């Protein structure tokens, strides 16, 4: 991948530090400037609710303050990235929220809260008479694929037999869903992350990776002119040269600047 020159990096850094949310600023500083993980954690807790889940527009395209499975998974993703241990009280509370809101009959989580329509939200989060479940394929991929990887990372907090049953169901869906990588591509992004989750047993990682590698060449939008639309750009599918599938779209990545 081509890298941004120093001047472009400085401009991007200045934009983030003056325009981004405090959480995103501290994440940038943690990732690129050796900033402290404590600062990230201090900003993240502003999105944490008393029920243990995350909400309050942590995922900015739905603005309900209520906790959701997706926002909770995103909060846990940040805590995992900064190395927070499983015994951290916020992590324990978030996992307990996920256990409490899991639908045992369907083996899924509703992706966003029931009150999402009452607050500003992107059109794909709108629910009319169950349309949200139809749009997101019964929530079998989103948010489950992201959650399963996180639960394996924090598997000491959940029942082993329950996690095994959930994981097998999720992996089967990834393997058999008609399209992996539709729309904006979060399903492919999450599946790729799951395939690279070291805490996930190897036989599951191999199965998910096989499907991801099949999906990437067809799902990635290669025409630069289309990248300002909601689509799967090369860097969304393959965010680093070490990511799964980088060799499959190497020419596109060579022309894609990265930080």
C-alpha atoms as a PDB file:
ATOM      1  CA  UNK A   1       0.000   0.000   0.000  1.00  0.00           C
ATOM      2  CA  UNK A   2       1.083   3.558  -0.636  1.00  0.00           C
ATOM      3  CA  UNK A   3       1.468   5.598   2.522  1.00  0.00           C
ATOM      4  CA  UNK A   4       0.369   9.170   3.151  1.00  0.00           C
ATOM      5  CA  UNK A   5       3.226  11.614   3.016  1.00  0.00           C
ATOM      6  CA  UNK A   6       4.065  13.538   6.161  1.00  0.00           C
ATOM      7  CA  UNK A   7       2.164  16.664   5.125  1.00  0.00           C
ATOM      8  CA  UNK A   8      -1.033  14.712   4.417  1.00  0.00           C
ATOM      9  CA  UNK A   9      -0.709  12.854   7.720  1.00  0.00           C
ATOM     10  CA  UNK A  10      -0.363  16.124   9.627  1.00  0.00           C
ATOM     11  CA  UNK A  11      -3.463  17.531   7.911  1.00  0.00           C
ATOM     12  CA  UNK A  12      -5.447  14.399   8.746  1.00  0.00           C
ATOM     13  CA  UNK A  13      -4.219  14.507  12.334  1.00  0.00           C
ATOM     14  CA  UNK A  14      -5.201  18.165  12.712  1.00  0.00           C
ATOM     15  CA  UNK A  15      -8.676  17.461  11.339  1.00  0.00           C
ATOM     16  CA  UNK A  16      -9.234  14.623  13.799  1.00  0.00           C
ATOM     17  CA  UNK A  17      -7.936  16.590  16.757  1.00  0.00           C
ATOM     18  CA  UNK A  18     -10.157  19.577  16.027  1.00  0.00           C
ATOM     19  CA  UNK A  19     -13.305  17.946  14.612  1.00  0.00           C
ATOM     20  CA  UNK A  20     -13.610  14.395  15.982  1.00  0.00           C
ATOM     21  CA  UNK A  21     -15.329  13.254  19.168  1.00  0.00           C
ATOM     22  CA  UNK A  22     -13.078  13.070  22.240  1.00  0.00           C
ATOM     23  CA  UNK A  23     -13.225   9.253  22.082  1.00  0.00           C
ATOM     24  CA  UNK A  24     -12.031   9.231  18.486  1.00  0.00           C
ATOM     25  CA  UNK A  25      -9.280  11.729  19.285  1.00  0.00           C
ATOM     26  CA  UNK A  26      -7.952   9.596  22.118  1.00  0.00           C
ATOM     27  CA  UNK A  27      -8.147   6.485  19.924  1.00  0.00           C
ATOM     28  CA  UNK A  28      -6.101   8.257  17.249  1.00  0.00           C
ATOM     29  CA  UNK A  29      -3.538   9.292  19.820  1.00  0.00           C
ATOM     30  CA  UNK A  30      -3.411   5.743  21.213  1.00  0.00           C
ATOM     31  CA  UNK A  31      -2.947   4.182  17.775  1.00  0.00           C
ATOM     32  CA  UNK A  32      -0.530   6.639  16.226  1.00  0.00           C
ATOM     33  CA  UNK A  33       1.108   8.695  18.955  1.00  0.00           C
ATOM     34  CA  UNK A  34       1.575   6.342  21.882  1.00  0.00           C
ATOM     35  CA  UNK A  35      -1.276   7.927  23.790  1.00  0.00           C
ATOM     36  CA  UNK A  36      -2.422   6.272  27.029  1.00  0.00           C
ATOM     37  CA  UNK A  37      -5.099   3.582  27.047  1.00  0.00           C
ATOM     38  CA  UNK A  38      -6.520   5.143  30.215  1.00  0.00           C
ATOM     39  CA  UNK A  39      -7.557   8.205  28.202  1.00  0.00           C
ATOM     40  CA  UNK A  40      -9.464   6.022  25.730  1.00  0.00           C
ATOM     41  CA  UNK A  41     -11.164   4.169  28.547  1.00  0.00           C
ATOM     42  CA  UNK A  42     -12.134   7.407  30.282  1.00  0.00           C
ATOM     43  CA  UNK A  43     -13.877   8.658  27.139  1.00  0.00           C
ATOM     44  CA  UNK A  44     -15.520   5.328  26.379  1.00  0.00           C
ATOM     45  CA  UNK A  45     -17.299   5.121  29.733  1.00  0.00           C
ATOM     46  CA  UNK A  46     -19.385   8.152  28.738  1.00  0.00           C
ATOM     47  CA  UNK A  47     -21.246   5.786  26.394  1.00  0.00           C
ATOM     48  CA  UNK A  48     -21.809   3.120  29.057  1.00  0.00           C
ATOM     49  CA  UNK A  49     -25.294   2.694  30.532  1.00  0.00           C
ATOM     50  CA  UNK A  50     -26.479   1.497  33.924  1.00  0.00           C
ATOM     51  CA  UNK A  51     -27.862  -1.704  32.382  1.00  0.00           C
ATOM     52  CA  UNK A  52     -24.303  -2.697  31.465  1.00  0.00           C
ATOM     53  CA  UNK A  53     -24.581  -2.091  27.738  1.00  0.00           C
ATOM     54  CA  UNK A  54     -23.258   0.695  25.545  1.00  0.00           C
ATOM     55  CA  UNK A  55     -25.402   3.264  23.753  1.00  0.00           C
ATOM     56  CA  UNK A  56     -25.616   7.057  23.665  1.00  0.00           C
ATOM     57  CA  UNK A  57     -24.651   7.161  19.963  1.00  0.00           C
ATOM     58  CA  UNK A  58     -21.395   5.263  20.340  1.00  0.00           C
ATOM     59  CA  UNK A  59     -22.346   4.060  16.859  1.00  0.00           C
ATOM     60  CA  UNK A  60     -23.044   7.546  15.455  1.00  0.00           C
ATOM     61  CA  UNK A  61     -25.639   6.628  12.844  1.00  0.00           C
ATOM     62  CA  UNK A  62     -28.296   5.812  15.432  1.00  0.00           C
ATOM     63  CA  UNK A  63     -28.686   8.311  18.227  1.00  0.00           C
ATOM     64  CA  UNK A  64     -30.793   6.571  20.857  1.00  0.00           C
ATOM     65  CA  UNK A  65     -29.274   6.713  24.341  1.00  0.00           C
ATOM     66  CA  UNK A  66     -30.495   3.142  24.995  1.00  0.00           C
ATOM     67  CA  UNK A  67     -28.061   0.242  25.036  1.00  0.00           C
ATOM     68  CA  UNK A  68     -27.867  -2.005  21.991  1.00  0.00           C
ATOM     69  CA  UNK A  69     -26.121  -5.198  21.011  1.00  0.00           C
ATOM     70  CA  UNK A  70     -24.201  -3.427  18.250  1.00  0.00           C
ATOM     71  CA  UNK A  71     -23.034  -0.481  20.373  1.00  0.00           C
ATOM     72  CA  UNK A  72     -22.077  -2.879  23.172  1.00  0.00           C
ATOM     73  CA  UNK A  73     -20.020  -4.950  20.737  1.00  0.00           C
ATOM     74  CA  UNK A  74     -18.294  -1.799  19.500  1.00  0.00           C
ATOM     75  CA  UNK A  75     -17.535  -0.742  23.064  1.00  0.00           C
ATOM     76  CA  UNK A  76     -16.079  -4.152  23.836  1.00  0.00           C
ATOM     77  CA  UNK A  77     -14.028  -3.957  20.633  1.00  0.00           C
ATOM     78  CA  UNK A  78     -12.380  -0.771  21.875  1.00  0.00           C
ATOM     79  CA  UNK A  79     -11.710  -2.302  25.295  1.00  0.00           C
ATOM     80  CA  UNK A  80     -10.193  -5.364  23.655  1.00  0.00           C
ATOM     81  CA  UNK A  81      -7.985  -3.173  21.446  1.00  0.00           C
ATOM     82  CA  UNK A  82      -6.547  -1.259  24.402  1.00  0.00           C
ATOM     83  CA  UNK A  83      -5.880  -4.485  26.306  1.00  0.00           C
ATOM     84  CA  UNK A  84      -8.511  -4.285  29.046  1.00  0.00           C
ATOM     85  CA  UNK A  85      -8.716  -7.519  31.037  1.00  0.00           C
ATOM     86  CA  UNK A  86     -11.835  -9.664  31.404  1.00  0.00           C
ATOM     87  CA  UNK A  87     -12.154  -8.785  35.088  1.00  0.00           C
ATOM     88  CA  UNK A  88     -12.649  -5.102  34.315  1.00  0.00           C
ATOM     89  CA  UNK A  89     -16.078  -4.151  35.722  1.00  0.00           C
ATOM     90  CA  UNK A  90     -17.215  -2.430  32.507  1.00  0.00           C
ATOM     91  CA  UNK A  91     -16.383  -5.540  30.485  1.00  0.00           C
ATOM     92  CA  UNK A  92     -18.168  -7.798  32.950  1.00  0.00           C
ATOM     93  CA  UNK A  93     -21.227  -5.552  32.854  1.00  0.00           C
ATOM     94  CA  UNK A  94     -21.236  -5.419  29.052  1.00  0.00           C
ATOM     95  CA  UNK A  95     -21.020  -9.201  28.738  1.00  0.00           C
ATOM     96  CA  UNK A  96     -23.813  -9.579  31.286  1.00  0.00           C
ATOM     97  CA  UNK A  97     -25.923  -7.202  29.199  1.00  0.00           C
ATOM     98  CA  UNK A  98     -25.352  -9.378  26.132  1.00  0.00           C
ATOM     99  CA  UNK A  99     -26.283 -12.527  28.046  1.00  0.00           C
ATOM    100  CA  UNK A 100     -29.440 -10.861  29.359  1.00  0.00           C
ATOM    101  CA  UNK A 101     -30.606  -9.587  25.952  1.00  0.00           C
ATOM    102  CA  UNK A 102     -29.835 -12.724  23.923  1.00  0.00           C
ATOM    103  CA  UNK A 103     -32.831 -14.363  22.235  1.00  0.00           C
ATOM    104  CA  UNK A 104     -32.512 -18.035  23.130  1.00  0.00           C
ATOM    105  CA  UNK A 105     -35.151 -19.056  20.586  1.00  0.00           C
ATOM    106  CA  UNK A 106     -33.483 -17.473  17.547  1.00  0.00           C
ATOM    107  CA  UNK A 107     -29.886 -17.520  18.885  1.00  0.00           C
ATOM    108  CA  UNK A 108     -29.595 -13.826  17.986  1.00  0.00           C
ATOM    109  CA  UNK A 109     -29.526 -10.288  19.309  1.00  0.00           C
ATOM    110  CA  UNK A 110     -31.654  -7.482  17.936  1.00  0.00           C
ATOM    111  CA  UNK A 111     -29.088  -5.156  16.407  1.00  0.00           C
ATOM    112  CA  UNK A 112     -30.509  -1.822  17.655  1.00  0.00           C
ATOM    113  CA  UNK A 113     -33.043  -0.964  20.389  1.00  0.00           C
ATOM    114  CA  UNK A 114     -36.794  -0.828  19.920  1.00  0.00           C
ATOM    115  CA  UNK A 115     -36.766   2.952  20.448  1.00  0.00           C
ATOM    116  CA  UNK A 116     -34.357   3.689  17.585  1.00  0.00           C
ATOM    117  CA  UNK A 117     -37.131   5.175  15.418  1.00  0.00           C
ATOM    118  CA  UNK A 118     -37.704   7.871  18.054  1.00  0.00           C
ATOM    119  CA  UNK A 119     -34.234   9.358  17.584  1.00  0.00           C
ATOM    120  CA  UNK A 120     -32.201  10.494  14.561  1.00  0.00           C
ATOM    121  CA  UNK A 121     -30.899   7.452  12.686  1.00  0.00           C
ATOM    122  CA  UNK A 122     -29.632   6.324   9.317  1.00  0.00           C
ATOM    123  CA  UNK A 123     -32.382   4.914   7.061  1.00  0.00           C
ATOM    124  CA  UNK A 124     -31.087   1.350   7.259  1.00  0.00           C
ATOM    125  CA  UNK A 125     -31.790   1.308  11.013  1.00  0.00           C
ATOM    126  CA  UNK A 126     -35.453   2.247  10.608  1.00  0.00           C
ATOM    127  CA  UNK A 127     -37.940  -0.440  11.607  1.00  0.00           C
ATOM    128  CA  UNK A 128     -41.504  -0.624  10.309  1.00  0.00           C
ATOM    129  CA  UNK A 129     -43.409  -3.737  11.276  1.00  0.00           C
ATOM    130  CA  UNK A 130     -40.349  -5.949  11.475  1.00  0.00           C
ATOM    131  CA  UNK A 131     -38.607  -4.572   8.395  1.00  0.00           C
ATOM    132  CA  UNK A 132     -35.312  -4.254  10.277  1.00  0.00           C
ATOM    133  CA  UNK A 133     -35.116  -7.999  10.824  1.00  0.00           C
ATOM    134  CA  UNK A 134     -35.773  -8.561   7.135  1.00  0.00           C
ATOM    135  CA  UNK A 135     -33.118  -6.048   6.125  1.00  0.00           C
ATOM    136  CA  UNK A 136     -30.542  -7.692   8.365  1.00  0.00           C
ATOM    137  CA  UNK A 137     -31.429 -11.307   7.593  1.00  0.00           C
ATOM    138  CA  UNK A 138     -32.930 -12.004  10.986  1.00  0.00           C
ATOM    139  CA  UNK A 139     -29.806 -10.593  12.719  1.00  0.00           C
ATOM    140  CA  UNK A 140     -27.982 -13.843  11.946  1.00  0.00           C
ATOM    141  CA  UNK A 141     -24.836 -12.048  10.709  1.00  0.00           C
ATOM    142  CA  UNK A 142     -25.018  -8.520  12.146  1.00  0.00           C
ATOM    143  CA  UNK A 143     -24.360  -8.128  15.048  1.00  0.00           C
ATOM    144  CA  UNK A 144     -23.713 -11.800  15.957  1.00  0.00           C
ATOM    145  CA  UNK A 145     -20.480 -12.297  14.018  1.00  0.00           C
ATOM    146  CA  UNK A 146     -18.851  -9.357  15.779  1.00  0.00           C
ATOM    147  CA  UNK A 147     -20.171 -10.423  19.181  1.00  0.00           C
ATOM    148  CA  UNK A 148     -19.003 -14.035  18.890  1.00  0.00           C
ATOM    149  CA  UNK A 149     -15.401 -13.028  18.286  1.00  0.00           C
ATOM    150  CA  UNK A 150     -15.481 -10.774  21.336  1.00  0.00           C
ATOM    151  CA  UNK A 151     -17.081 -13.440  23.524  1.00  0.00           C
ATOM    152  CA  UNK A 152     -14.312 -15.874  22.619  1.00  0.00           C
ATOM    153  CA  UNK A 153     -11.775 -13.241  23.644  1.00  0.00           C
ATOM    154  CA  UNK A 154     -13.622 -12.880  26.971  1.00  0.00           C
ATOM    155  CA  UNK A 155     -14.785 -16.501  27.117  1.00  0.00           C
ATOM    156  CA  UNK A 156     -14.073 -16.832  30.838  1.00  0.00           C
ATOM    157  CA  UNK A 157     -17.212 -14.734  31.408  1.00  0.00           C
ATOM    158  CA  UNK A 158     -19.701 -16.940  29.515  1.00  0.00           C
ATOM    159  CA  UNK A 159     -20.859 -20.583  29.696  1.00  0.00           C
ATOM    160  CA  UNK A 160     -18.641 -22.740  27.477  1.00  0.00           C
ATOM    161  CA  UNK A 161     -21.400 -24.976  26.092  1.00  0.00           C
ATOM    162  CA  UNK A 162     -23.581 -21.970  25.253  1.00  0.00           C
ATOM    163  CA  UNK A 163     -20.707 -20.253  23.420  1.00  0.00           C
ATOM    164  CA  UNK A 164     -19.934 -23.440  21.489  1.00  0.00           C
ATOM    165  CA  UNK A 165     -23.522 -23.787  20.289  1.00  0.00           C
ATOM    166  CA  UNK A 166     -23.709 -20.116  19.332  1.00  0.00           C
ATOM    167  CA  UNK A 167     -20.378 -20.224  17.494  1.00  0.00           C
ATOM    168  CA  UNK A 168     -21.318 -23.276  15.431  1.00  0.00           C
ATOM    169  CA  UNK A 169     -24.568 -21.609  14.381  1.00  0.00           C
ATOM    170  CA  UNK A 170     -22.809 -18.364  13.444  1.00  0.00           C
ATOM    171  CA  UNK A 171     -20.117 -20.116  11.426  1.00  0.00           C
ATOM    172  CA  UNK A 172     -22.713 -22.165   9.556  1.00  0.00           C
ATOM    173  CA  UNK A 173     -24.560 -18.980   8.626  1.00  0.00           C
ATOM    174  CA  UNK A 174     -21.358 -17.321   7.383  1.00  0.00           C
ATOM    175  CA  UNK A 175     -20.666 -20.394   5.274  1.00  0.00           C
ATOM    176  CA  UNK A 176     -24.139 -20.620   3.739  1.00  0.00           C
ATOM    177  CA  UNK A 177     -25.570 -17.078   3.516  1.00  0.00           C
ATOM    178  CA  UNK A 178     -26.350 -16.207  -0.104  1.00  0.00           C
ATOM    179  CA  UNK A 179     -24.261 -13.020  -0.179  1.00  0.00           C
ATOM    180  CA  UNK A 180     -21.419 -12.077   2.144  1.00  0.00           C
ATOM    181  CA  UNK A 181     -20.415  -8.484   1.592  1.00  0.00           C
ATOM    182  CA  UNK A 182     -23.570  -6.698   0.578  1.00  0.00           C
ATOM    183  CA  UNK A 183     -24.364  -3.017   1.072  1.00  0.00           C
ATOM    184  CA  UNK A 184     -21.727  -1.270   3.142  1.00  0.00           C
ATOM    185  CA  UNK A 185     -20.001  -4.527   3.917  1.00  0.00           C
ATOM    186  CA  UNK A 186     -20.110  -4.723   7.706  1.00  0.00           C
ATOM    187  CA  UNK A 187     -21.012  -8.407   7.400  1.00  0.00           C
ATOM    188  CA  UNK A 188     -17.807  -9.091   5.461  1.00  0.00           C
ATOM    189  CA  UNK A 189     -15.794  -6.804   7.737  1.00  0.00           C
ATOM    190  CA  UNK A 190     -17.022  -8.634  10.836  1.00  0.00           C
ATOM    191  CA  UNK A 191     -16.498 -12.073   9.269  1.00  0.00           C
ATOM    192  CA  UNK A 192     -12.932 -11.131   8.351  1.00  0.00           C
ATOM    193  CA  UNK A 193     -12.318 -10.004  11.913  1.00  0.00           C
ATOM    194  CA  UNK A 194     -13.766 -13.262  13.232  1.00  0.00           C
ATOM    195  CA  UNK A 195     -11.500 -15.316  10.967  1.00  0.00           C
ATOM    196  CA  UNK A 196      -8.498 -13.498  12.475  1.00  0.00           C
ATOM    197  CA  UNK A 197      -9.614 -13.745  16.111  1.00  0.00           C
ATOM    198  CA  UNK A 198      -6.859 -15.713  17.805  1.00  0.00           C
ATOM    199  CA  UNK A 199      -9.124 -16.758  20.672  1.00  0.00           C
ATOM    200  CA  UNK A 200     -11.474 -18.498  18.222  1.00  0.00           C
ATOM    201  CA  UNK A 201     -10.687 -22.236  17.862  1.00  0.00           C
ATOM    202  CA  UNK A 202      -8.665 -22.909  14.723  1.00  0.00           C
ATOM    203  CA  UNK A 203     -11.244 -25.141  13.033  1.00  0.00           C
ATOM    204  CA  UNK A 204     -13.769 -22.309  13.176  1.00  0.00           C
ATOM    205  CA  UNK A 205     -11.231 -19.757  11.953  1.00  0.00           C
ATOM    206  CA  UNK A 206     -10.428 -21.894   8.922  1.00  0.00           C
ATOM    207  CA  UNK A 207     -14.088 -22.302   8.002  1.00  0.00           C
ATOM    208  CA  UNK A 208     -14.799 -18.579   8.242  1.00  0.00           C
ATOM    209  CA  UNK A 209     -11.585 -17.688   6.396  1.00  0.00           C
ATOM    210  CA  UNK A 210     -12.523 -19.950   3.493  1.00  0.00           C
ATOM    211  CA  UNK A 211     -15.796 -18.099   2.981  1.00  0.00           C
ATOM    212  CA  UNK A 212     -14.196 -14.674   3.422  1.00  0.00           C
ATOM    213  CA  UNK A 213     -11.576 -15.418   0.788  1.00  0.00           C
ATOM    214  CA  UNK A 214     -14.311 -16.489  -1.596  1.00  0.00           C
ATOM    215  CA  UNK A 215     -16.260 -13.274  -0.959  1.00  0.00           C
ATOM    216  CA  UNK A 216     -13.576 -10.571  -1.108  1.00  0.00           C
ATOM    217  CA  UNK A 217     -12.852 -10.535  -4.877  1.00  0.00           C
ATOM    218  CA  UNK A 218     -16.539 -10.195  -5.751  1.00  0.00           C
ATOM    219  CA  UNK A 219     -17.508  -7.814  -2.955  1.00  0.00           C
ATOM    220  CA  UNK A 220     -14.785  -5.171  -3.200  1.00  0.00           C
ATOM    221  CA  UNK A 221     -15.663  -2.128  -5.309  1.00  0.00           C
ATOM    222  CA  UNK A 222     -12.613  -1.428  -7.458  1.00  0.00           C
ATOM    223  CA  UNK A 223     -13.679   1.756  -9.277  1.00  0.00           C
ATOM    224  CA  UNK A 224     -12.420   4.836  -7.433  1.00  0.00           C
ATOM    225  CA  UNK A 225     -15.382   6.834  -8.720  1.00  0.00           C
ATOM    226  CA  UNK A 226     -17.750   4.737  -6.624  1.00  0.00           C
ATOM    227  CA  UNK A 227     -15.844   5.002  -3.345  1.00  0.00           C
ATOM    228  CA  UNK A 228     -17.797   8.020  -2.098  1.00  0.00           C
ATOM    229  CA  UNK A 229     -20.906   5.809  -1.926  1.00  0.00           C
ATOM    230  CA  UNK A 230     -21.752   3.364   0.865  1.00  0.00           C
ATOM    231  CA  UNK A 231     -19.755   0.419  -0.440  1.00  0.00           C
ATOM    232  CA  UNK A 232     -16.902  -1.980   0.299  1.00  0.00           C
ATOM    233  CA  UNK A 233     -13.686  -0.197  -0.579  1.00  0.00           C
ATOM    234  CA  UNK A 234     -10.411  -2.135  -0.705  1.00  0.00           C
ATOM    235  CA  UNK A 235      -9.283  -0.786   2.672  1.00  0.00           C
ATOM    236  CA  UNK A 236     -12.601  -1.668   4.305  1.00  0.00           C
ATOM    237  CA  UNK A 237     -12.197  -5.292   3.255  1.00  0.00           C
ATOM    238  CA  UNK A 238      -8.426  -5.413   3.789  1.00  0.00           C
ATOM    239  CA  UNK A 239      -7.333  -2.680   6.252  1.00  0.00           C
ATOM    240  CA  UNK A 240      -3.660  -3.639   6.359  1.00  0.00           C
ATOM    241  CA  UNK A 241      -1.094  -5.525   4.257  1.00  0.00           C
ATOM    242  CA  UNK A 242      -1.273  -8.342   6.826  1.00  0.00           C
ATOM    243  CA  UNK A 243      -5.051  -8.694   6.681  1.00  0.00           C
ATOM    244  CA  UNK A 244      -6.760 -11.785   5.349  1.00  0.00           C
ATOM    245  CA  UNK A 245      -7.251 -11.535   1.591  1.00  0.00           C
ATOM    246  CA  UNK A 246      -4.653  -8.816   0.924  1.00  0.00           C
ATOM    247  CA  UNK A 247      -3.105 -10.882  -1.853  1.00  0.00           C
ATOM    248  CA  UNK A 248      -6.461 -11.154  -3.628  1.00  0.00           C
ATOM    249  CA  UNK A 249      -6.752  -7.417  -4.304  1.00  0.00           C
ATOM    250  CA  UNK A 250      -3.096  -6.445  -4.243  1.00  0.00           C
ATOM    251  CA  UNK A 251      -3.314  -4.167  -7.293  1.00  0.00           C
ATOM    252  CA  UNK A 252      -6.165  -2.160  -5.786  1.00  0.00           C
ATOM    253  CA  UNK A 253      -4.295  -1.849  -2.506  1.00  0.00           C
ATOM    254  CA  UNK A 254      -1.174  -0.575  -4.236  1.00  0.00           C
ATOM    255  CA  UNK A 255      -3.170   2.380  -5.406  1.00  0.00           C
ATOM    256  CA  UNK A 256      -4.832   2.999  -2.048  1.00  0.00           C
ATOM    257  CA  UNK A 257      -2.999   5.365   0.298  1.00  0.00           C
ATOM    258  CA  UNK A 258      -2.948   4.324   3.951  1.00  0.00           C
ATOM    259  CA  UNK A 259      -1.833   5.979   7.162  1.00  0.00           C
END
